[in-house]
Amino acid sequence: MKNFAKKMPLIAMSLLTILTGCGDGNATGNGNGNGNGNGRPADASLPDHMEIFVNTKNPTWTSIEASLWISRRRDDPGPTKTGLVWTREGDPSPDNALGSFSGESSSLSTLIEDLVPGETYRIAAYAEFDAGTLHSDITEFTMPEGPAVGVGEAHEDGIIVYFFKEDDPHYVEGEVHGLLAAPMDAGESQWGGLCGRVGDLADNLGSGLENTRGILAYHEALDNYSENPQQCHEENDGTIAAEMATSFQHGGHSDWHLPSRDELLLLYRNLHAEGIGDFAPARYWSSSEVPEGHIGNDRLAANVDFSDGGGWTTGKEQTMRVRPVRRF
């Protein structure tokens, strides 16, 4: 591995020492891709209070986030080089590594990709100082079972837009969930009636389904809106983007809905900007209104222009395209 070209003999020997000597080969992990390894000095020339740690989190089927950090005092020396090395079998030494990542920071993180679902991997961290080298214990992580697919690929009758990560709504530790886009538009529609503000419609990731339900409930409470849309405004034609999204028929799923503003931006950035999803260079409705207190907040809703990714707020009577999404 080219990241280890200058220090390969030292690193390989020191990582082996972790297994047979002071490191004891301690490996931890909970079988779902999350794990951590506690480190200790492998070189007597370094202060014995200095430690290095390796951590893995947020696995998808084929990728995982890995990081290292060094515990040291303010007057301790800084590292000249830090890195992570991982393998599928045996010791994660340079001679046996599937991959590596290096830098110069006391905290370092990377996304490890192209891993195999259901397989167990081993990872270790190191830090080089002028006085010697510090190594973590080896930690194991097991990738979740599932199809080997990633963002932009087909799954459950949709296209994967995003995998939920730790601290995201709807993230479940040890499980793989995310957002799917329908592979085609549902059509064109007005956002809904210009009767006033629906309210309680969020912008953030994970809020699209609840927004959609709120929009539908608001219009259902009106006096037969679909047959009498002019009760809201003379320019209303009775179409509702949220209703068009939930009525979308594809793959037998009944939980398609209108994406929130932030979800719609992900569709643009992760799919359309990469040439995926067969989107039109046109504006698409989100299920989000403008913030309360904004001028015209009772008649404007958020949308994204897929010709350039720009975010807009526009009158609800405007006709725009609708691309349904669903969680998986």
Protein backbone atom coordinates (compact mmCIF):
# COMPACT_ATOMS: atom_id res chain seq x y z
CA MET A 1 0.00 0.00 0.00
CA LYS A 2 1.54 3.30 -1.02
CA ASN A 3 0.47 5.04 2.20
CA PHE A 4 2.89 2.83 4.10
CA ALA A 5 5.79 2.81 1.65
CA LYS A 6 8.21 4.70 3.90
CA LYS A 7 7.35 3.07 7.23
CA MET A 8 6.09 -0.35 6.20
CA PRO A 9 8.55 -2.53 8.18
CA LEU A 10 8.04 -0.58 11.42
CA ILE A 11 4.25 -0.51 11.14
CA ALA A 12 3.93 -4.17 10.20
CA MET A 13 6.10 -5.22 13.14
CA SER A 14 4.30 -2.94 15.60
CA LEU A 15 0.83 -4.13 14.58
CA LEU A 16 1.95 -7.70 15.01
CA THR A 17 3.14 -6.76 18.51
CA ILE A 18 -0.42 -5.70 19.33
CA LEU A 19 -1.54 -9.26 18.76
CA THR A 20 1.26 -11.03 20.55
CA GLY A 21 2.48 -8.55 23.14
CA CYS A 22 1.19 -5.49 24.92
CA GLY A 23 -1.87 -5.05 22.69
CA ASP A 24 -3.24 -8.56 23.30
CA GLY A 25 -5.17 -8.39 20.00
CA ASN A 26 -8.21 -6.96 21.73
CA ALA A 27 -11.07 -6.81 19.22
CA THR A 28 -14.48 -5.38 19.92
CA GLY A 29 -17.65 -4.84 17.93
CA ASN A 30 -21.35 -5.55 18.22
CA GLY A 31 -21.89 -7.40 14.98
CA ASN A 32 -23.66 -4.55 13.19
CA GLY A 33 -20.69 -2.54 12.04
CA ASN A 34 -20.29 -0.33 15.11
CA GLY A 35 -17.23 -0.92 17.23
CA ASN A 36 -14.29 0.65 18.99
CA GLY A 37 -10.74 -0.26 19.92
CA ASN A 38 -8.80 1.13 22.87
CA GLY A 39 -5.13 1.78 22.20
CA ARG A 40 -1.97 1.94 24.26
CA PRO A 41 1.64 2.88 23.50
CA ALA A 42 3.65 0.27 21.64
CA ASP A 43 6.88 2.23 22.08
CA ALA A 44 8.43 2.82 25.50
CA SER A 45 9.88 6.14 24.32
CA LEU A 46 6.36 7.67 24.30
CA PRO A 47 4.58 8.81 27.51
CA ASP A 48 2.57 5.90 28.92
CA HIS A 49 -0.54 8.08 29.33
CA MET A 50 -0.90 8.59 25.57
CA GLU A 51 -3.49 6.39 23.84
CA ILE A 52 -4.97 6.03 20.37
CA PHE A 53 -8.51 4.88 19.65
CA VAL A 54 -10.25 3.57 16.52
CA ASN A 55 -14.02 3.75 16.00
CA THR A 56 -16.46 2.56 13.33
CA LYS A 57 -20.07 3.70 12.91
CA ASN A 58 -22.98 4.28 10.51
CA PRO A 59 -22.60 1.18 8.32
CA THR A 60 -24.58 0.79 5.13
CA TRP A 61 -24.45 -2.51 3.27
CA THR A 62 -21.18 -1.66 1.54
CA SER A 63 -19.59 1.23 3.44
CA ILE A 64 -18.75 2.33 6.97
CA GLU A 65 -17.31 5.44 8.64
CA ALA A 66 -13.99 4.86 10.44
CA SER A 67 -12.08 7.29 12.62
CA LEU A 68 -9.18 7.57 15.02
CA TRP A 69 -8.31 10.00 17.78
CA ILE A 70 -5.38 10.39 20.15
CA SER A 71 -5.65 11.01 23.87
CA ARG A 72 -2.72 13.19 24.89
CA ARG A 73 -1.90 16.12 27.14
CA ARG A 74 -1.42 19.67 25.96
CA ASP A 75 2.37 19.53 26.27
CA ASP A 76 2.67 16.13 24.55
CA PRO A 77 4.13 16.09 21.02
CA GLY A 78 1.84 16.04 18.00
CA PRO A 79 1.93 13.24 15.43
CA THR A 80 3.83 13.54 12.18
CA LYS A 81 1.56 10.97 10.53
CA THR A 82 -1.63 9.10 11.47
CA GLY A 83 -3.57 6.41 9.67
CA LEU A 84 -6.04 3.57 9.55
CA VAL A 85 -5.48 0.17 7.98
CA TRP A 86 -8.09 -2.56 7.52
CA THR A 87 -8.33 -6.12 6.30
CA ARG A 88 -10.89 -8.90 5.93
CA GLU A 89 -8.84 -11.75 7.40
CA GLY A 90 -5.79 -11.88 9.61
CA ASP A 91 -3.90 -8.92 11.04
CA PRO A 92 -4.52 -5.47 9.53
CA SER A 93 -0.87 -4.95 8.61
CA PRO A 94 0.34 -3.27 5.40
CA ASP A 95 1.24 -6.64 3.92
CA ASN A 96 -2.31 -7.92 4.47
CA ALA A 97 -4.37 -4.74 4.06
CA LEU A 98 -7.40 -4.26 1.86
CA GLY A 99 -7.01 -0.53 2.22
CA SER A 100 -5.59 2.32 4.26
CA PHE A 101 -6.05 6.02 4.90
CA SER A 102 -3.49 8.42 6.32
CA GLY A 103 -3.09 12.03 7.39
CA GLU A 104 -1.34 14.20 9.97
CA SER A 105 -4.15 15.04 12.40
CA SER A 106 -4.76 13.74 15.95
CA SER A 107 -8.30 12.99 14.82
CA LEU A 108 -8.84 11.42 11.42
CA SER A 109 -11.91 10.00 9.69
CA THR A 110 -12.73 8.37 6.37
CA LEU A 111 -15.51 6.48 4.60
CA ILE A 112 -14.51 2.91 3.76
CA GLU A 113 -16.43 1.74 0.69
CA ASP A 114 -16.82 -1.38 -1.48
CA LEU A 115 -17.19 -3.71 1.51
CA VAL A 116 -19.10 -7.01 1.39
CA PRO A 117 -22.47 -7.30 3.19
CA GLY A 118 -22.41 -9.73 6.10
CA GLU A 119 -18.61 -10.02 6.19
CA THR A 120 -16.41 -9.25 9.21
CA TYR A 121 -13.44 -6.90 8.91
CA ARG A 122 -10.57 -5.89 11.21
CA ILE A 123 -9.18 -2.38 11.52
CA ALA A 124 -6.36 -0.69 13.48
CA ALA A 125 -5.07 2.86 13.85
CA TYR A 126 -1.55 4.20 14.21
CA ALA A 127 0.18 7.51 14.91
CA GLU A 128 3.83 8.26 14.20
CA PHE A 129 5.79 10.68 16.38
CA ASP A 130 9.42 11.75 16.31
CA ALA A 131 9.90 9.65 19.46
CA GLY A 132 8.12 6.52 18.28
CA THR A 133 4.85 5.01 17.06
CA LEU A 134 1.51 4.59 18.83
CA HIS A 135 -0.97 1.86 17.84
CA SER A 136 -4.54 1.01 18.70
CA ASP A 137 -5.84 -2.41 19.50
CA ILE A 138 -7.49 -4.17 16.58
CA THR A 139 -11.26 -3.84 16.40
CA GLU A 140 -13.64 -5.97 14.37
CA PHE A 141 -16.83 -4.86 12.63
CA THR A 142 -19.41 -6.89 10.73
CA MET A 143 -21.28 -5.37 7.83
CA PRO A 144 -25.09 -5.63 7.86
CA GLU A 145 -26.67 -8.30 5.71
CA GLY A 146 -28.30 -6.89 2.60
CA PRO A 147 -27.96 -6.41 -1.13
CA ALA A 148 -24.75 -4.80 -2.30
CA VAL A 149 -26.27 -1.52 -3.42
CA GLY A 150 -25.44 2.10 -2.80
CA VAL A 151 -26.73 5.61 -3.42
CA GLY A 152 -28.04 5.95 -6.96
CA GLU A 153 -28.80 2.25 -7.37
CA ALA A 154 -32.16 0.50 -7.63
CA HIS A 155 -33.72 -0.96 -4.49
CA GLU A 156 -37.29 -1.90 -3.51
CA ASP A 157 -38.83 -0.36 -6.65
CA GLY A 158 -37.03 2.95 -6.16
CA ILE A 159 -33.61 4.58 -6.33
CA ILE A 160 -31.53 4.97 -3.17
CA VAL A 161 -31.14 8.67 -2.39
CA TYR A 162 -29.60 8.58 1.08
CA PHE A 163 -28.76 6.23 3.97
CA PHE A 164 -29.86 7.49 7.38
CA LYS A 165 -26.91 8.16 9.67
CA GLU A 166 -26.56 8.47 13.42
CA ASP A 167 -28.51 11.50 14.71
CA ASP A 168 -30.76 11.49 11.62
CA PRO A 169 -34.49 10.96 12.18
CA HIS A 170 -35.48 7.32 11.61
CA TYR A 171 -31.91 6.04 12.10
CA VAL A 172 -31.92 2.63 13.83
CA GLU A 173 -28.63 1.38 15.25
CA GLY A 174 -27.53 -1.84 13.63
CA GLU A 175 -30.03 -1.55 10.77
CA VAL A 176 -29.85 0.00 7.32
CA HIS A 177 -32.59 2.49 6.42
CA GLY A 178 -32.82 5.49 4.16
CA LEU A 179 -34.73 7.40 1.51
CA LEU A 180 -35.81 6.14 -1.91
CA ALA A 181 -36.98 8.18 -4.90
CA ALA A 182 -39.50 6.89 -7.38
CA PRO A 183 -37.83 6.14 -10.74
CA MET A 184 -40.15 8.53 -12.58
CA ASP A 185 -42.27 11.61 -11.95
CA ALA A 186 -45.87 11.20 -10.84
CA GLY A 187 -46.95 14.14 -13.01
CA GLU A 188 -47.58 17.85 -12.61
CA SER A 189 -49.76 19.52 -10.03
CA GLN A 190 -50.43 22.64 -8.05
CA TRP A 191 -49.08 22.49 -4.49
CA GLY A 192 -52.63 22.89 -3.18
CA GLY A 193 -55.25 25.42 -2.23
CA LEU A 194 -54.55 29.07 -1.50
CA CYS A 195 -56.79 28.88 1.57
CA GLY A 196 -54.09 29.71 4.10
CA ARG A 197 -51.19 28.16 5.92
CA VAL A 198 -51.26 24.42 6.67
CA GLY A 199 -48.66 24.80 9.45
CA ASP A 200 -46.37 22.31 11.23
CA LEU A 201 -44.67 21.36 7.97
CA ALA A 202 -40.94 20.85 8.53
CA ASP A 203 -38.05 21.27 6.09
CA ASN A 204 -35.68 18.66 7.45
CA LEU A 205 -34.71 15.16 6.35
CA GLY A 206 -37.27 12.56 7.41
CA SER A 207 -40.24 14.93 7.63
CA GLY A 208 -41.74 14.41 4.18
CA LEU A 209 -44.20 11.68 5.16
CA GLU A 210 -45.59 13.61 8.13
CA ASN A 211 -45.77 16.77 6.02
CA THR A 212 -47.71 14.92 3.34
CA ARG A 213 -50.23 13.60 5.86
CA GLY A 214 -50.68 17.11 7.26
CA ILE A 215 -51.32 18.59 3.80
CA LEU A 216 -53.88 15.92 2.97
CA ALA A 217 -55.67 16.34 6.30
CA TYR A 218 -55.86 20.10 5.75
CA HIS A 219 -57.48 19.74 2.33
CA GLU A 220 -59.82 16.97 3.48
CA ALA A 221 -61.15 19.36 6.12
CA LEU A 222 -62.22 21.81 3.40
CA ASP A 223 -65.66 21.62 1.81
CA ASN A 224 -65.07 19.20 -1.07
CA TYR A 225 -61.91 20.94 -2.30
CA SER A 226 -61.37 18.69 -5.33
CA GLU A 227 -64.79 19.62 -6.77
CA ASN A 228 -64.79 23.22 -5.56
CA PRO A 229 -61.18 24.47 -5.55
CA GLN A 230 -62.27 28.06 -6.17
CA GLN A 231 -63.31 28.23 -2.52
CA CYS A 232 -59.60 28.84 -1.89
CA HIS A 233 -58.71 30.93 -4.94
CA GLU A 234 -59.97 31.40 -8.47
CA GLU A 235 -56.65 30.06 -9.84
CA ASN A 236 -56.85 26.76 -7.95
CA ASP A 237 -57.70 23.77 -10.15
CA GLY A 238 -58.21 21.13 -7.42
CA THR A 239 -54.89 19.33 -7.82
CA ILE A 240 -52.71 18.70 -4.76
CA ALA A 241 -49.05 17.67 -5.11
CA ALA A 242 -49.14 15.65 -1.89
CA GLU A 243 -52.18 13.73 -3.14
CA MET A 244 -50.50 13.03 -6.47
CA ALA A 245 -47.48 11.63 -4.60
CA THR A 246 -49.53 9.35 -2.33
CA SER A 247 -51.63 8.14 -5.28
CA PHE A 248 -48.51 7.16 -7.20
CA GLN A 249 -48.63 3.50 -8.19
CA HIS A 250 -45.32 1.71 -8.57
CA GLY A 251 -44.15 -1.59 -7.14
CA GLY A 252 -47.20 -2.11 -4.96
CA HIS A 253 -46.01 0.29 -2.23
CA SER A 254 -48.53 2.50 -0.47
CA ASP A 255 -46.17 4.82 1.40
CA TRP A 256 -44.98 7.08 -1.42
CA HIS A 257 -45.15 10.72 -0.36
CA LEU A 258 -44.04 14.24 -1.24
CA PRO A 259 -40.46 14.98 -0.10
CA SER A 260 -39.64 17.76 2.33
CA ARG A 261 -37.45 20.61 1.12
CA ASP A 262 -34.22 19.03 2.43
CA GLU A 263 -35.17 15.63 1.02
CA LEU A 264 -35.87 17.21 -2.37
CA LEU A 265 -32.44 18.87 -2.30
CA LEU A 266 -30.90 15.42 -1.73
CA LEU A 267 -32.73 14.15 -4.81
CA TYR A 268 -31.09 16.91 -6.82
CA ARG A 269 -27.59 16.54 -5.35
CA ASN A 270 -27.33 12.76 -5.02
CA LEU A 271 -29.28 11.70 -8.09
CA HIS A 272 -29.98 14.37 -10.72
CA ALA A 273 -26.57 16.05 -10.42
CA GLU A 274 -25.04 12.61 -11.06
CA GLY A 275 -27.23 12.00 -14.11
CA ILE A 276 -29.50 9.55 -12.27
CA GLY A 277 -33.28 9.42 -11.98
CA ASP A 278 -34.59 10.80 -15.28
CA PHE A 279 -35.54 14.16 -13.77
CA ALA A 280 -36.66 17.08 -15.91
CA PRO A 281 -34.77 20.41 -15.86
CA ALA A 282 -37.80 21.96 -14.17
CA ARG A 283 -39.11 22.90 -10.75
CA TYR A 284 -40.31 20.21 -8.34
CA TRP A 285 -42.62 20.71 -5.38
CA SER A 286 -41.62 19.89 -1.82
CA SER A 287 -44.02 19.30 1.07
CA SER A 288 -42.62 22.28 3.01
CA GLU A 289 -44.10 25.74 3.39
CA VAL A 290 -42.06 28.86 4.07
CA PRO A 291 -41.19 29.67 7.71
CA GLU A 292 -43.96 31.23 9.77
CA GLY A 293 -43.59 35.01 9.82
CA HIS A 294 -42.17 35.07 6.30
CA ILE A 295 -43.93 37.49 3.95
CA GLY A 296 -46.66 35.57 2.17
CA ASN A 297 -46.24 32.53 4.43
CA ASP A 298 -49.91 31.60 3.95
CA ARG A 299 -49.62 31.25 0.16
CA LEU A 300 -46.05 30.14 -0.57
CA ALA A 301 -44.43 26.69 -0.59
CA ALA A 302 -40.85 25.52 -1.11
CA ASN A 303 -39.60 24.00 -4.36
CA VAL A 304 -36.30 23.19 -6.07
CA ASP A 305 -35.32 24.05 -9.62
CA PHE A 306 -33.70 20.93 -11.08
CA SER A 307 -32.04 22.94 -13.83
CA ASP A 308 -29.54 24.35 -11.32
CA GLY A 309 -30.43 23.10 -7.81
CA GLY A 310 -31.73 26.46 -6.65
CA GLY A 311 -34.26 26.59 -3.83
CA TRP A 312 -37.37 28.75 -4.24
CA THR A 313 -40.64 29.68 -2.55
CA THR A 314 -43.53 30.04 -4.95
CA GLY A 315 -47.29 30.53 -4.90
CA LYS A 316 -49.18 27.33 -4.16
CA GLU A 317 -51.33 27.82 -7.26
CA GLN A 318 -48.31 27.27 -9.54
CA THR A 319 -48.06 23.96 -11.42
CA MET A 320 -44.84 22.02 -10.95
CA ARG A 321 -43.54 18.48 -11.24
CA VAL A 322 -43.97 15.87 -8.51
CA ARG A 323 -41.41 13.15 -7.68
CA PRO A 324 -42.60 10.81 -4.90
CA VAL A 325 -40.24 9.35 -2.28
CA ARG A 326 -40.51 6.69 0.40
CA ARG A 327 -38.44 5.40 3.31
CA PHE A 328 -36.99 1.90 3.39
